[in-house]
Every structure is written in C-alpha cells, then in structure tokens.
Amino acid sequence: MEIVHGGPEHVDTAALIWAHAVTARDGYDEVPTLDQARPGIENALANEPSLLLLACESGEAVGFLAGGPHETEPGVAYINYVGVHPDAWGKGVGEALLRALPDALTARGYTGAQLLVYVDNERGVRLYERLGWIKVGDPAPHPRHGRVEQRYSFFPSGGV
C-alpha cells in the first residue's frame, strides 16, 4: 500500500470513497451522490495548511484522510475525515493512513491533531485508541443530528 499526498485534483476521489464508506457504516439505503459528498471534502481542505492523504492499492485510491487547521487550537490539525472504501475494510488502510499522519503533520507545521468519532463506530474507536489517540472530555451529541461523538487528540511527540 502506498500513501500519497493529494491535492485539489483528488477531491472527487475522496468524496466517492466517503460516500461509499458512510453508506456501509451507517446503513444508508442509497450511496450519496458526488455532488452531495464533494462539499464536505472541499470544506475540510479549504484552509491552509490542509492535509489530504490517499491510500492507494495497485494505483487505485481505497482510503483517504483529510483536514486542516483547528479553528481554536493554533498548531493543531483538525482531521475531518478518515475514510476507507468498504471493499478495503479490514485490510489495514485506516491504520496506514494514521501511521503516515505524524510525518504529514510535521511537514505542514502542526504539533498534533484532533478528530471526532461517533462512539458507536466501534472499529474506528478501537483503531484510534490502539494507535495512541487519547480521549478528550466527555462524549457529546452532534449539534445537528444528536449522534454521540467523542473527541480524540494525538500528539506525535507525546505532548498535549
């Protein structure tokens, strides 16, 4: 598996992976369209320094990680998305992306990262905790739809 740094030309690829991933994860009846999925990815990459990592197998993207500067914590990246196409679940794609993250953070001047994960996303929670992400605060309902999320932080140098 190869992890590559993506750019604006990879937004649609990431959006399609996300559409398929959330459909499988959340049990949607239909896969969101590219037009429905694209704005979220574009928004995640709107501020610099942004992060877009793609996990590729045989030249095809099967997963991605996207984010940018945290709104309230200088020097910290906010990871909006970690998505893996369902056909690649269980193959270490998410882990490969997260293991590539520290170097990507450093290259862009970040000291660490934060993300939110739904507490019922057991696979995601297990992965973050296994890779050293630390819970921050108590779980809270998402402001739009009420699904409970937990904030996690990761500081490659061990700082907080």
C-alpha atoms as a PDB file:
ATOM      1  CA  MET A   1       0.000   0.000   0.000  1.00  0.00           C
ATOM      2  CA  GLU A   2       1.254   3.438  -0.907  1.00  0.00           C
ATOM      3  CA  ILE A   3       0.300   6.645   0.941  1.00  0.00           C
ATOM      4  CA  VAL A   4       0.432   9.725  -1.276  1.00  0.00           C
ATOM      5  CA  HIS A   5      -0.203  13.398  -0.654  1.00  0.00           C
ATOM      6  CA  GLY A   6      -3.264  14.533  -2.555  1.00  0.00           C
ATOM      7  CA  GLY A   7      -4.392  17.878  -3.864  1.00  0.00           C
ATOM      8  CA  PRO A   8      -7.489  19.540  -5.314  1.00  0.00           C
ATOM      9  CA  GLU A   9      -7.493  17.057  -8.189  1.00  0.00           C
ATOM     10  CA  HIS A  10      -8.219  14.266  -5.669  1.00  0.00           C
ATOM     11  CA  VAL A  11     -11.295  15.789  -4.000  1.00  0.00           C
ATOM     12  CA  ASP A  12     -13.768  13.791  -6.099  1.00  0.00           C
ATOM     13  CA  THR A  13     -11.890  10.557  -5.411  1.00  0.00           C
ATOM     14  CA  ALA A  14     -12.028  11.198  -1.668  1.00  0.00           C
ATOM     15  CA  ALA A  15     -15.696  12.216  -1.837  1.00  0.00           C
ATOM     16  CA  LEU A  16     -16.676   8.985  -3.594  1.00  0.00           C
ATOM     17  CA  ILE A  17     -14.763   6.885  -1.053  1.00  0.00           C
ATOM     18  CA  TRP A  18     -16.537   8.761   1.748  1.00  0.00           C
ATOM     19  CA  ALA A  19     -19.958   8.290   0.139  1.00  0.00           C
ATOM     20  CA  HIS A  20     -19.465   4.520  -0.024  1.00  0.00           C
ATOM     21  CA  ALA A  21     -17.919   4.320   3.456  1.00  0.00           C
ATOM     22  CA  VAL A  22     -20.731   6.169   5.254  1.00  0.00           C
ATOM     23  CA  THR A  23     -23.357   4.211   3.345  1.00  0.00           C
ATOM     24  CA  ALA A  24     -21.896   0.946   4.625  1.00  0.00           C
ATOM     25  CA  ARG A  25     -21.092   2.256   8.120  1.00  0.00           C
ATOM     26  CA  ASP A  26     -24.462   3.908   8.727  1.00  0.00           C
ATOM     27  CA  GLY A  27     -26.698   1.582   6.699  1.00  0.00           C
ATOM     28  CA  TYR A  28     -27.974   4.122   4.182  1.00  0.00           C
ATOM     29  CA  ASP A  29     -30.309   2.820   1.501  1.00  0.00           C
ATOM     30  CA  GLU A  30     -28.526   4.788  -1.231  1.00  0.00           C
ATOM     31  CA  VAL A  31     -24.970   5.970  -1.739  1.00  0.00           C
ATOM     32  CA  PRO A  32     -24.778   9.783  -1.610  1.00  0.00           C
ATOM     33  CA  THR A  33     -24.030  11.366  -4.972  1.00  0.00           C
ATOM     34  CA  LEU A  34     -20.727  13.017  -5.753  1.00  0.00           C
ATOM     35  CA  ASP A  35     -22.490  16.396  -5.623  1.00  0.00           C
ATOM     36  CA  GLN A  36     -23.705  15.564  -2.110  1.00  0.00           C
ATOM     37  CA  ALA A  37     -20.333  14.275  -0.864  1.00  0.00           C
ATOM     38  CA  ARG A  38     -17.956  16.773  -2.519  1.00  0.00           C
ATOM     39  CA  PRO A  39     -18.762  19.922  -0.443  1.00  0.00           C
ATOM     40  CA  GLY A  40     -17.728  18.300   2.843  1.00  0.00           C
ATOM     41  CA  ILE A  41     -14.339  17.304   1.473  1.00  0.00           C
ATOM     42  CA  GLU A  42     -13.824  20.719  -0.127  1.00  0.00           C
ATOM     43  CA  ASN A  43     -14.700  22.388   3.171  1.00  0.00           C
ATOM     44  CA  ALA A  44     -12.225  20.186   5.070  1.00  0.00           C
ATOM     45  CA  LEU A  45      -9.456  21.326   2.723  1.00  0.00           C
ATOM     46  CA  ALA A  46     -10.487  24.991   2.475  1.00  0.00           C
ATOM     47  CA  ASN A  47      -7.882  26.372   4.882  1.00  0.00           C
ATOM     48  CA  GLU A  48      -4.138  26.011   4.691  1.00  0.00           C
ATOM     49  CA  PRO A  49      -2.126  24.117   5.563  1.00  0.00           C
ATOM     50  CA  SER A  50      -4.556  21.400   4.565  1.00  0.00           C
ATOM     51  CA  LEU A  51      -3.966  17.656   4.670  1.00  0.00           C
ATOM     52  CA  LEU A  52      -5.110  15.119   2.113  1.00  0.00           C
ATOM     53  CA  LEU A  53      -3.520  11.700   2.254  1.00  0.00           C
ATOM     54  CA  LEU A  54      -4.608   8.918  -0.083  1.00  0.00           C
ATOM     55  CA  ALA A  55      -4.027   5.222   0.472  1.00  0.00           C
ATOM     56  CA  CYS A  56      -3.524   3.503  -2.880  1.00  0.00           C
ATOM     57  CA  GLU A  57      -3.515  -0.166  -3.808  1.00  0.00           C
ATOM     58  CA  SER A  58      -2.357  -1.063  -7.326  1.00  0.00           C
ATOM     59  CA  GLY A  59      -2.625   2.620  -8.272  1.00  0.00           C
ATOM     60  CA  GLU A  60      -6.229   2.992  -7.087  1.00  0.00           C
ATOM     61  CA  ALA A  61      -7.223   5.086  -4.062  1.00  0.00           C
ATOM     62  CA  VAL A  62      -9.006   2.953  -1.458  1.00  0.00           C
ATOM     63  CA  GLY A  63      -8.880   5.346   1.501  1.00  0.00           C
ATOM     64  CA  PHE A  64      -8.121   8.911   2.483  1.00  0.00           C
ATOM     65  CA  LEU A  65      -7.582  11.277   5.380  1.00  0.00           C
ATOM     66  CA  ALA A  66      -8.481  14.976   5.109  1.00  0.00           C
ATOM     67  CA  GLY A  67      -8.296  18.003   7.353  1.00  0.00           C
ATOM     68  CA  GLY A  68      -6.785  21.370   8.056  1.00  0.00           C
ATOM     69  CA  PRO A  69      -6.117  23.854  10.828  1.00  0.00           C
ATOM     70  CA  HIS A  70      -8.127  23.513  14.034  1.00  0.00           C
ATOM     71  CA  GLU A  71     -10.371  26.557  14.468  1.00  0.00           C
ATOM     72  CA  THR A  72      -9.496  27.227  18.105  1.00  0.00           C
ATOM     73  CA  GLU A  73      -6.170  25.486  18.736  1.00  0.00           C
ATOM     74  CA  PRO A  74      -3.185  27.009  16.914  1.00  0.00           C
ATOM     75  CA  GLY A  75      -0.697  24.472  15.618  1.00  0.00           C
ATOM     76  CA  VAL A  76      -3.184  21.608  15.791  1.00  0.00           C
ATOM     77  CA  ALA A  77      -4.777  19.995  12.752  1.00  0.00           C
ATOM     78  CA  TYR A  78      -8.426  19.008  12.781  1.00  0.00           C
ATOM     79  CA  ILE A  79      -8.976  15.733  10.933  1.00  0.00           C
ATOM     80  CA  ASN A  80     -12.422  15.975   9.360  1.00  0.00           C
ATOM     81  CA  TYR A  81     -12.339  12.641   7.550  1.00  0.00           C
ATOM     82  CA  VAL A  82     -10.718   9.232   7.737  1.00  0.00           C
ATOM     83  CA  GLY A  83     -12.488   7.164   5.113  1.00  0.00           C
ATOM     84  CA  VAL A  84     -11.909   3.723   3.680  1.00  0.00           C
ATOM     85  CA  HIS A  85     -13.914   2.192   0.848  1.00  0.00           C
ATOM     86  CA  PRO A  86     -15.903  -0.765   2.255  1.00  0.00           C
ATOM     87  CA  ASP A  87     -14.229  -3.117  -0.241  1.00  0.00           C
ATOM     88  CA  ALA A  88     -10.947  -2.392   1.573  1.00  0.00           C
ATOM     89  CA  TRP A  89     -12.208  -2.637   5.177  1.00  0.00           C
ATOM     90  CA  GLY A  90     -10.099  -4.887   7.365  1.00  0.00           C
ATOM     91  CA  LYS A  91      -7.006  -4.539   5.165  1.00  0.00           C
ATOM     92  CA  GLY A  92      -5.110  -2.001   7.297  1.00  0.00           C
ATOM     93  CA  VAL A  93      -5.918   1.036   5.151  1.00  0.00           C
ATOM     94  CA  GLY A  94      -7.065   3.264   8.020  1.00  0.00           C
ATOM     95  CA  GLU A  95      -4.068   2.243  10.079  1.00  0.00           C
ATOM     96  CA  ALA A  96      -1.674   3.010   7.214  1.00  0.00           C
ATOM     97  CA  LEU A  97      -3.197   6.482   6.803  1.00  0.00           C
ATOM     98  CA  LEU A  98      -2.966   7.226  10.525  1.00  0.00           C
ATOM     99  CA  ARG A  99       0.619   5.944  10.717  1.00  0.00           C
ATOM    100  CA  ALA A 100       1.540   8.337   7.872  1.00  0.00           C
ATOM    101  CA  LEU A 101      -0.121  11.258   9.657  1.00  0.00           C
ATOM    102  CA  PRO A 102       2.725  12.272  12.034  1.00  0.00           C
ATOM    103  CA  ASP A 103       5.115  12.998   9.149  1.00  0.00           C
ATOM    104  CA  ALA A 104       2.379  14.870   7.268  1.00  0.00           C
ATOM    105  CA  LEU A 105       1.635  16.929  10.379  1.00  0.00           C
ATOM    106  CA  THR A 106       5.285  17.815  10.873  1.00  0.00           C
ATOM    107  CA  ALA A 107       5.738  18.716   7.203  1.00  0.00           C
ATOM    108  CA  ARG A 108       2.874  21.209   7.475  1.00  0.00           C
ATOM    109  CA  GLY A 109       3.986  22.706  10.787  1.00  0.00           C
ATOM    110  CA  TYR A 110       1.427  21.038  13.033  1.00  0.00           C
ATOM    111  CA  THR A 111       2.283  19.742  16.511  1.00  0.00           C
ATOM    112  CA  GLY A 112      -0.695  17.401  16.764  1.00  0.00           C
ATOM    113  CA  ALA A 113      -4.194  16.582  15.603  1.00  0.00           C
ATOM    114  CA  GLN A 114      -7.742  16.196  16.860  1.00  0.00           C
ATOM    115  CA  LEU A 115     -10.785  14.474  15.482  1.00  0.00           C
ATOM    116  CA  LEU A 116     -14.289  13.451  16.469  1.00  0.00           C
ATOM    117  CA  VAL A 117     -15.557   9.903  16.137  1.00  0.00           C
ATOM    118  CA  TYR A 118     -19.040   8.549  16.731  1.00  0.00           C
ATOM    119  CA  VAL A 119     -18.915   6.436  19.859  1.00  0.00           C
ATOM    120  CA  ASP A 120     -20.911   3.704  18.102  1.00  0.00           C
ATOM    121  CA  ASN A 121     -18.213   3.460  15.401  1.00  0.00           C
ATOM    122  CA  GLU A 122     -16.507   0.665  17.299  1.00  0.00           C
ATOM    123  CA  ARG A 123     -13.974  -0.139  14.570  1.00  0.00           C
ATOM    124  CA  GLY A 124     -12.851   3.488  14.415  1.00  0.00           C
ATOM    125  CA  VAL A 125     -12.688   3.882  18.193  1.00  0.00           C
ATOM    126  CA  ARG A 126     -10.588   0.712  18.550  1.00  0.00           C
ATOM    127  CA  LEU A 127      -8.199   1.884  15.819  1.00  0.00           C
ATOM    128  CA  TYR A 128      -7.657   5.368  17.268  1.00  0.00           C
ATOM    129  CA  GLU A 129      -7.110   4.067  20.770  1.00  0.00           C
ATOM    130  CA  ARG A 130      -4.752   1.313  19.601  1.00  0.00           C
ATOM    131  CA  LEU A 131      -2.657   3.922  17.761  1.00  0.00           C
ATOM    132  CA  GLY A 132      -2.324   6.197  20.794  1.00  0.00           C
ATOM    133  CA  TRP A 133      -5.108   8.724  20.284  1.00  0.00           C
ATOM    134  CA  ILE A 134      -6.345  10.000  23.656  1.00  0.00           C
ATOM    135  CA  LYS A 135      -9.944  10.809  24.631  1.00  0.00           C
ATOM    136  CA  VAL A 136     -10.511  14.475  25.392  1.00  0.00           C
ATOM    137  CA  GLY A 137     -13.502  15.374  27.539  1.00  0.00           C
ATOM    138  CA  ASP A 138     -16.796  13.566  27.637  1.00  0.00           C
ATOM    139  CA  PRO A 139     -18.790  12.277  24.664  1.00  0.00           C
ATOM    140  CA  ALA A 140     -21.358  14.782  23.407  1.00  0.00           C
ATOM    141  CA  PRO A 141     -24.218  14.769  20.915  1.00  0.00           C
ATOM    142  CA  HIS A 142     -23.527  16.157  17.464  1.00  0.00           C
ATOM    143  CA  PRO A 143     -25.220  19.584  17.249  1.00  0.00           C
ATOM    144  CA  ARG A 144     -27.146  18.789  14.038  1.00  0.00           C
ATOM    145  CA  HIS A 145     -28.373  15.232  14.467  1.00  0.00           C
ATOM    146  CA  GLY A 146     -27.630  14.207  18.049  1.00  0.00           C
ATOM    147  CA  ARG A 147     -25.440  11.178  17.329  1.00  0.00           C
ATOM    148  CA  VAL A 148     -22.908  10.960  20.172  1.00  0.00           C
ATOM    149  CA  GLU A 149     -19.277  11.787  19.369  1.00  0.00           C
ATOM    150  CA  GLN A 150     -16.011  11.581  21.295  1.00  0.00           C
ATOM    151  CA  ARG A 151     -13.096  13.962  20.726  1.00  0.00           C
ATOM    152  CA  TYR A 152      -9.620  12.431  20.439  1.00  0.00           C
ATOM    153  CA  SER A 153      -6.189  14.078  20.351  1.00  0.00           C
ATOM    154  CA  PHE A 154      -2.891  12.847  19.024  1.00  0.00           C
ATOM    155  CA  PHE A 155       0.474  14.477  19.608  1.00  0.00           C
ATOM    156  CA  PRO A 156       3.331  12.571  17.913  1.00  0.00           C
ATOM    157  CA  SER A 157       5.915  13.896  20.382  1.00  0.00           C
ATOM    158  CA  GLY A 158       3.768  12.875  23.343  1.00  0.00           C
ATOM    159  CA  GLY A 159       2.861  16.470  24.269  1.00  0.00           C
ATOM    160  CA  VAL A 160      -0.626  17.729  24.963  1.00  0.00           C
END
